Amino acid sequence: MSTLDDLQSGQDNRGEALGDESGSSISGLVSTLAVCAPIAGAYLVIFLILRRSQRRFYAPRTYLGSLRE
């Protein structure tokens, strides 16, 4: 019943909740990227190393010049 009383009295806190939520979502995004970016970088480095040492596995099966038109 207090919600009905708040609406009738004009006390609405929706704007305050939106302000708090946007700050926490930006910090959540930054903290997620701070964890995921080094992991993605490590996978990229591993791929680049393995691509050179495992040429047969990472080589293309065909080349554009060898395909029939």
PDB file of N, CA and C in Angstrom:
ATOM      1  N   MET A   1       0.819  -1.185   0.000  1.00  0.00           N
ATOM      2  CA  MET A   1       0.000   0.000   0.000  1.00  0.00           C
ATOM      3  C   MET A   1       0.866   1.253   0.000  1.00  0.00           C
ATOM      4  N   SER A   2       2.092   1.127   0.456  1.00  0.00           N
ATOM      5  CA  SER A   2       2.972   2.297   0.497  1.00  0.00           C
ATOM      6  C   SER A   2       3.312   2.767  -0.916  1.00  0.00           C
ATOM      7  N   THR A   3       3.317   1.882  -1.878  1.00  0.00           N
ATOM      8  CA  THR A   3       3.597   2.278  -3.254  1.00  0.00           C
ATOM      9  C   THR A   3       2.496   3.184  -3.776  1.00  0.00           C
ATOM     10  N   LEU A   4       1.268   2.862  -3.471  1.00  0.00           N
ATOM     11  CA  LEU A   4       0.141   3.697  -3.875  1.00  0.00           C
ATOM     12  C   LEU A   4       0.224   5.068  -3.200  1.00  0.00           C
ATOM     13  N   ASP A   5       0.602   5.094  -1.940  1.00  0.00           N
ATOM     14  CA  ASP A   5       0.752   6.370  -1.228  1.00  0.00           C
ATOM     15  C   ASP A   5       1.878   7.203  -1.839  1.00  0.00           C
ATOM     16  N   ASP A   6       2.979   6.559  -2.228  1.00  0.00           N
ATOM     17  CA  ASP A   6       4.095   7.286  -2.845  1.00  0.00           C
ATOM     18  C   ASP A   6       3.689   7.880  -4.180  1.00  0.00           C
ATOM     19  N   LEU A   7       2.919   7.145  -4.966  1.00  0.00           N
ATOM     20  CA  LEU A   7       2.483   7.652  -6.263  1.00  0.00           C
ATOM     21  C   LEU A   7       1.525   8.823  -6.102  1.00  0.00           C
ATOM     22  N   GLN A   8       0.650   8.729  -5.127  1.00  0.00           N
ATOM     23  CA  GLN A   8      -0.306   9.807  -4.908  1.00  0.00           C
ATOM     24  C   GLN A   8       0.372  11.057  -4.359  1.00  0.00           C
ATOM     25  N   SER A   9       1.416  10.885  -3.574  1.00  0.00           N
ATOM     26  CA  SER A   9       2.088  12.056  -2.991  1.00  0.00           C
ATOM     27  C   SER A   9       3.113  12.649  -3.948  1.00  0.00           C
ATOM     28  N   GLY A  10       3.380  11.996  -5.060  1.00  0.00           N
ATOM     29  CA  GLY A  10       4.320  12.523  -6.042  1.00  0.00           C
ATOM     30  C   GLY A  10       5.763  12.155  -5.765  1.00  0.00           C
ATOM     31  N   GLN A  11       5.998  11.273  -4.815  1.00  0.00           N
ATOM     32  CA  GLN A  11       7.366  10.846  -4.528  1.00  0.00           C
ATOM     33  C   GLN A  11       7.683   9.639  -5.407  1.00  0.00           C
ATOM     34  N   ASP A  12       8.486   9.879  -6.392  1.00  0.00           N
ATOM     35  CA  ASP A  12       8.835   8.812  -7.328  1.00  0.00           C
ATOM     36  C   ASP A  12      10.354   8.740  -7.412  1.00  0.00           C
ATOM     37  N   ASN A  13      10.905   7.596  -7.242  1.00  0.00           N
ATOM     38  CA  ASN A  13      12.358   7.471  -7.233  1.00  0.00           C
ATOM     39  C   ASN A  13      12.897   6.747  -8.468  1.00  0.00           C
ATOM     40  N   ARG A  14      12.174   6.736  -9.548  1.00  0.00           N
ATOM     41  CA  ARG A  14      12.636   6.028 -10.742  1.00  0.00           C
ATOM     42  C   ARG A  14      13.905   6.648 -11.312  1.00  0.00           C
ATOM     43  N   GLY A  15      14.042   7.946 -11.293  1.00  0.00           N
ATOM     44  CA  GLY A  15      15.233   8.607 -11.821  1.00  0.00           C
ATOM     45  C   GLY A  15      16.484   8.249 -11.042  1.00  0.00           C
ATOM     46  N   GLU A  16      16.372   8.127  -9.741  1.00  0.00           N
ATOM     47  CA  GLU A  16      17.526   7.771  -8.925  1.00  0.00           C
ATOM     48  C   GLU A  16      17.979   6.351  -9.217  1.00  0.00           C
ATOM     49  N   ALA A  17      17.054   5.455  -9.429  1.00  0.00           N
ATOM     50  CA  ALA A  17      17.420   4.072  -9.705  1.00  0.00           C
ATOM     51  C   ALA A  17      18.120   3.955 -11.049  1.00  0.00           C
ATOM     52  N   LEU A  18      17.686   4.738 -12.025  1.00  0.00           N
ATOM     53  CA  LEU A  18      18.340   4.685 -13.330  1.00  0.00           C
ATOM     54  C   LEU A  18      19.769   5.194 -13.253  1.00  0.00           C
ATOM     55  N   GLY A  19      20.016   6.215 -12.480  1.00  0.00           N
ATOM     56  CA  GLY A  19      21.364   6.746 -12.345  1.00  0.00           C
ATOM     57  C   GLY A  19      22.314   5.736 -11.719  1.00  0.00           C
ATOM     58  N   ASP A  20      21.861   5.026 -10.710  1.00  0.00           N
ATOM     59  CA  ASP A  20      22.704   4.027 -10.061  1.00  0.00           C
ATOM     60  C   ASP A  20      22.962   2.845 -10.975  1.00  0.00           C
ATOM     61  N   GLU A  21      21.962   2.471 -11.751  1.00  0.00           N
ATOM     62  CA  GLU A  21      22.089   1.284 -12.595  1.00  0.00           C
ATOM     63  C   GLU A  21      23.078   1.496 -13.732  1.00  0.00           C
ATOM     64  N   SER A  22      23.094   2.681 -14.333  1.00  0.00           N
ATOM     65  CA  SER A  22      24.002   2.912 -15.453  1.00  0.00           C
ATOM     66  C   SER A  22      25.450   2.914 -14.982  1.00  0.00           C
ATOM     67  N   GLY A  23      25.731   3.406 -13.801  1.00  0.00           N
ATOM     68  CA  GLY A  23      27.088   3.380 -13.273  1.00  0.00           C
ATOM     69  C   GLY A  23      27.568   1.970 -13.010  1.00  0.00           C
ATOM     70  N   SER A  24      26.694   1.139 -12.496  1.00  0.00           N
ATOM     71  CA  SER A  24      27.098  -0.235 -12.212  1.00  0.00           C
ATOM     72  C   SER A  24      27.236  -1.044 -13.494  1.00  0.00           C
ATOM     73  N   SER A  25      26.451  -0.741 -14.535  1.00  0.00           N
ATOM     74  CA  SER A  25      26.614  -1.506 -15.762  1.00  0.00           C
ATOM     75  C   SER A  25      27.884  -1.121 -16.493  1.00  0.00           C
ATOM     76  N   ILE A  26      28.305   0.130 -16.401  1.00  0.00           N
ATOM     77  CA  ILE A  26      29.568   0.520 -17.033  1.00  0.00           C
ATOM     78  C   ILE A  26      30.733  -0.133 -16.304  1.00  0.00           C
ATOM     79  N   SER A  27      30.692  -0.136 -14.990  1.00  0.00           N
ATOM     80  CA  SER A  27      31.774  -0.778 -14.245  1.00  0.00           C
ATOM     81  C   SER A  27      31.759  -2.289 -14.460  1.00  0.00           C
ATOM     82  N   GLY A  28      30.583  -2.863 -14.616  1.00  0.00           N
ATOM     83  CA  GLY A  28      30.499  -4.293 -14.922  1.00  0.00           C
ATOM     84  C   GLY A  28      31.067  -4.617 -16.288  1.00  0.00           C
ATOM     85  N   LEU A  29      30.806  -3.744 -17.251  1.00  0.00           N
ATOM     86  CA  LEU A  29      31.352  -3.936 -18.593  1.00  0.00           C
ATOM     87  C   LEU A  29      32.868  -3.836 -18.583  1.00  0.00           C
ATOM     88  N   VAL A  30      33.387  -2.837 -17.894  1.00  0.00           N
ATOM     89  CA  VAL A  30      34.841  -2.652 -17.835  1.00  0.00           C
ATOM     90  C   VAL A  30      35.505  -3.821 -17.120  1.00  0.00           C
ATOM     91  N   SER A  31      34.919  -4.286 -16.036  1.00  0.00           N
ATOM     92  CA  SER A  31      35.524  -5.407 -15.314  1.00  0.00           C
ATOM     93  C   SER A  31      35.452  -6.697 -16.123  1.00  0.00           C
ATOM     94  N   THR A  32      34.399  -6.878 -16.897  1.00  0.00           N
ATOM     95  CA  THR A  32      34.308  -8.053 -17.759  1.00  0.00           C
ATOM     96  C   THR A  32      35.345  -7.999 -18.869  1.00  0.00           C
ATOM     97  N   LEU A  33      35.497  -6.828 -19.481  1.00  0.00           N
ATOM     98  CA  LEU A  33      36.502  -6.685 -20.535  1.00  0.00           C
ATOM     99  C   LEU A  33      37.914  -6.818 -19.986  1.00  0.00           C
ATOM    100  N   ALA A  34      38.139  -6.377 -18.756  1.00  0.00           N
ATOM    101  CA  ALA A  34      39.464  -6.497 -18.149  1.00  0.00           C
ATOM    102  C   ALA A  34      39.856  -7.954 -17.951  1.00  0.00           C
ATOM    103  N   VAL A  35      38.886  -8.822 -17.756  1.00  0.00           N
ATOM    104  CA  VAL A  35      39.171 -10.247 -17.601  1.00  0.00           C
ATOM    105  C   VAL A  35      39.240 -10.937 -18.960  1.00  0.00           C
ATOM    106  N   CYS A  36      38.324 -10.608 -19.864  1.00  0.00           N
ATOM    107  CA  CYS A  36      38.235 -11.315 -21.143  1.00  0.00           C
ATOM    108  C   CYS A  36      39.313 -10.905 -22.140  1.00  0.00           C
ATOM    109  N   ALA A  37      39.750  -9.660 -22.117  1.00  0.00           N
ATOM    110  CA  ALA A  37      40.748  -9.194 -23.091  1.00  0.00           C
ATOM    111  C   ALA A  37      42.083  -9.929 -22.956  1.00  0.00           C
ATOM    112  N   PRO A  38      42.640 -10.122 -21.757  1.00  0.00           N
ATOM    113  CA  PRO A  38      43.891 -10.891 -21.678  1.00  0.00           C
ATOM    114  C   PRO A  38      43.730 -12.353 -22.089  1.00  0.00           C
ATOM    115  N   ILE A  39      42.584 -12.931 -21.797  1.00  0.00           N
ATOM    116  CA  ILE A  39      42.349 -14.317 -22.202  1.00  0.00           C
ATOM    117  C   ILE A  39      42.280 -14.414 -23.719  1.00  0.00           C
ATOM    118  N   ALA A  40      41.573 -13.490 -24.357  1.00  0.00           N
ATOM    119  CA  ALA A  40      41.497 -13.474 -25.820  1.00  0.00           C
ATOM    120  C   ALA A  40      42.870 -13.222 -26.427  1.00  0.00           C
ATOM    121  N   GLY A  41      43.654 -12.348 -25.813  1.00  0.00           N
ATOM    122  CA  GLY A  41      45.014 -12.095 -26.292  1.00  0.00           C
ATOM    123  C   GLY A  41      45.886 -13.329 -26.185  1.00  0.00           C
ATOM    124  N   ALA A  42      45.750 -14.073 -25.093  1.00  0.00           N
ATOM    125  CA  ALA A  42      46.527 -15.306 -24.924  1.00  0.00           C
ATOM    126  C   ALA A  42      46.151 -16.332 -25.987  1.00  0.00           C
ATOM    127  N   TYR A  43      44.861 -16.482 -26.270  1.00  0.00           N
ATOM    128  CA  TYR A  43      44.440 -17.409 -27.319  1.00  0.00           C
ATOM    129  C   TYR A  43      44.967 -16.982 -28.685  1.00  0.00           C
ATOM    130  N   LEU A  44      44.992 -15.696 -28.950  1.00  0.00           N
ATOM    131  CA  LEU A  44      45.510 -15.200 -30.222  1.00  0.00           C
ATOM    132  C   LEU A  44      46.999 -15.496 -30.357  1.00  0.00           C
ATOM    133  N   VAL A  45      47.753 -15.273 -29.293  1.00  0.00           N
ATOM    134  CA  VAL A  45      49.190 -15.557 -29.329  1.00  0.00           C
ATOM    135  C   VAL A  45      49.432 -17.052 -29.524  1.00  0.00           C
ATOM    136  N   ILE A  46      48.681 -17.889 -28.834  1.00  0.00           N
ATOM    137  CA  ILE A  46      48.824 -19.343 -28.997  1.00  0.00           C
ATOM    138  C   ILE A  46      48.501 -19.748 -30.426  1.00  0.00           C
ATOM    139  N   PHE A  47      47.455 -19.176 -31.003  1.00  0.00           N
ATOM    140  CA  PHE A  47      47.101 -19.483 -32.386  1.00  0.00           C
ATOM    141  C   PHE A  47      48.214 -19.069 -33.341  1.00  0.00           C
ATOM    142  N   LEU A  48      48.768 -17.882 -33.146  1.00  0.00           N
ATOM    143  CA  LEU A  48      49.826 -17.415 -34.042  1.00  0.00           C
ATOM    144  C   LEU A  48      51.074 -18.289 -33.944  1.00  0.00           C
ATOM    145  N   ILE A  49      51.386 -18.763 -32.758  1.00  0.00           N
ATOM    146  CA  ILE A  49      52.538 -19.658 -32.594  1.00  0.00           C
ATOM    147  C   ILE A  49      52.261 -21.008 -33.244  1.00  0.00           C
ATOM    148  N   LEU A  50      51.085 -21.567 -32.981  1.00  0.00           N
ATOM    149  CA  LEU A  50      50.759 -22.884 -33.538  1.00  0.00           C
ATOM    150  C   LEU A  50      50.576 -22.838 -35.047  1.00  0.00           C
ATOM    151  N   ARG A  51      50.146 -21.717 -35.579  1.00  0.00           N
ATOM    152  CA  ARG A  51      49.951 -21.605 -37.018  1.00  0.00           C
ATOM    153  C   ARG A  51      51.271 -21.764 -37.756  1.00  0.00           C
ATOM    154  N   ARG A  52      52.347 -21.258 -37.180  1.00  0.00           N
ATOM    155  CA  ARG A  52      53.662 -21.387 -37.820  1.00  0.00           C
ATOM    156  C   ARG A  52      54.245 -22.779 -37.635  1.00  0.00           C
ATOM    157  N   SER A  53      54.073 -23.367 -36.468  1.00  0.00           N
ATOM    158  CA  SER A  53      54.682 -24.678 -36.222  1.00  0.00           C
ATOM    159  C   SER A  53      53.835 -25.825 -36.769  1.00  0.00           C
ATOM    160  N   GLN A  54      52.554 -25.648 -36.922  1.00  0.00           N
ATOM    161  CA  GLN A  54      51.657 -26.691 -37.431  1.00  0.00           C
ATOM    162  C   GLN A  54      51.082 -26.259 -38.772  1.00  0.00           C
ATOM    163  N   ARG A  55      51.933 -26.038 -39.741  1.00  0.00           N
ATOM    164  CA  ARG A  55      51.483 -25.515 -41.039  1.00  0.00           C
ATOM    165  C   ARG A  55      50.489 -26.451 -41.729  1.00  0.00           C
ATOM    166  N   ARG A  56      50.693 -27.735 -41.612  1.00  0.00           N
ATOM    167  CA  ARG A  56      49.801 -28.677 -42.297  1.00  0.00           C
ATOM    168  C   ARG A  56      48.379 -28.593 -41.737  1.00  0.00           C
ATOM    169  N   PHE A  57      48.269 -28.418 -40.454  1.00  0.00           N
ATOM    170  CA  PHE A  57      46.955 -28.366 -39.818  1.00  0.00           C
ATOM    171  C   PHE A  57      46.229 -27.061 -40.127  1.00  0.00           C
ATOM    172  N   TYR A  58      46.960 -25.950 -40.170  1.00  0.00           N
ATOM    173  CA  TYR A  58      46.340 -24.640 -40.368  1.00  0.00           C
ATOM    174  C   TYR A  58      46.399 -24.153 -41.811  1.00  0.00           C
ATOM    175  N   ALA A  59      46.959 -24.934 -42.724  1.00  0.00           N
ATOM    176  CA  ALA A  59      47.043 -24.516 -44.124  1.00  0.00           C
ATOM    177  C   ALA A  59      45.671 -24.641 -44.780  1.00  0.00           C
ATOM    178  N   PRO A  60      45.378 -23.775 -45.731  1.00  0.00           N
ATOM    179  CA  PRO A  60      44.106 -23.914 -46.449  1.00  0.00           C
ATOM    180  C   PRO A  60      44.107 -25.182 -47.299  1.00  0.00           C
ATOM    181  N   ARG A  61      42.966 -25.771 -47.502  1.00  0.00           N
ATOM    182  CA  ARG A  61      42.885 -27.009 -48.284  1.00  0.00           C
ATOM    183  C   ARG A  61      43.003 -26.744 -49.773  1.00  0.00           C
ATOM    184  N   THR A  62      42.501 -25.621 -50.209  1.00  0.00           N
ATOM    185  CA  THR A  62      42.620 -25.246 -51.619  1.00  0.00           C
ATOM    186  C   THR A  62      42.981 -23.778 -51.699  1.00  0.00           C
ATOM    187  N   TYR A  63      43.477 -23.395 -52.839  1.00  0.00           N
ATOM    188  CA  TYR A  63      43.785 -21.996 -53.102  1.00  0.00           C
ATOM    189  C   TYR A  63      42.840 -21.503 -54.177  1.00  0.00           C
ATOM    190  N   LEU A  64      42.604 -20.219 -54.231  1.00  0.00           N
ATOM    191  CA  LEU A  64      41.667 -19.670 -55.206  1.00  0.00           C
ATOM    192  C   LEU A  64      42.125 -19.950 -56.632  1.00  0.00           C
ATOM    193  N   GLY A  65      43.430 -19.988 -56.877  1.00  0.00           N
ATOM    194  CA  GLY A  65      43.937 -20.252 -58.219  1.00  0.00           C
ATOM    195  C   GLY A  65      43.678 -21.675 -58.683  1.00  0.00           C
ATOM    196  N   SER A  66      43.521 -22.615 -57.774  1.00  0.00           N
ATOM    197  CA  SER A  66      43.331 -24.013 -58.165  1.00  0.00           C
ATOM    198  C   SER A  66      41.858 -24.395 -58.329  1.00  0.00           C
ATOM    199  N   LEU A  67      40.951 -23.534 -57.951  1.00  0.00           N
ATOM    200  CA  LEU A  67      39.527 -23.837 -58.092  1.00  0.00           C
ATOM    201  C   LEU A  67      39.068 -23.603 -59.523  1.00  0.00           C
ATOM    202  N   ARG A  68      38.220 -24.493 -60.017  1.00  0.00           N
ATOM    203  CA  ARG A  68      37.670 -24.331 -61.366  1.00  0.00           C
ATOM    204  C   ARG A  68      36.528 -23.331 -61.326  1.00  0.00           C
ATOM    205  N   GLU A  69      36.418 -22.586 -62.384  1.00  0.00           N
ATOM    206  CA  GLU A  69      35.333 -21.600 -62.446  1.00  0.00           C
ATOM    207  C   GLU A  69      34.151 -22.137 -63.209  1.00  0.00           C
TER     208      GLU A  69
END
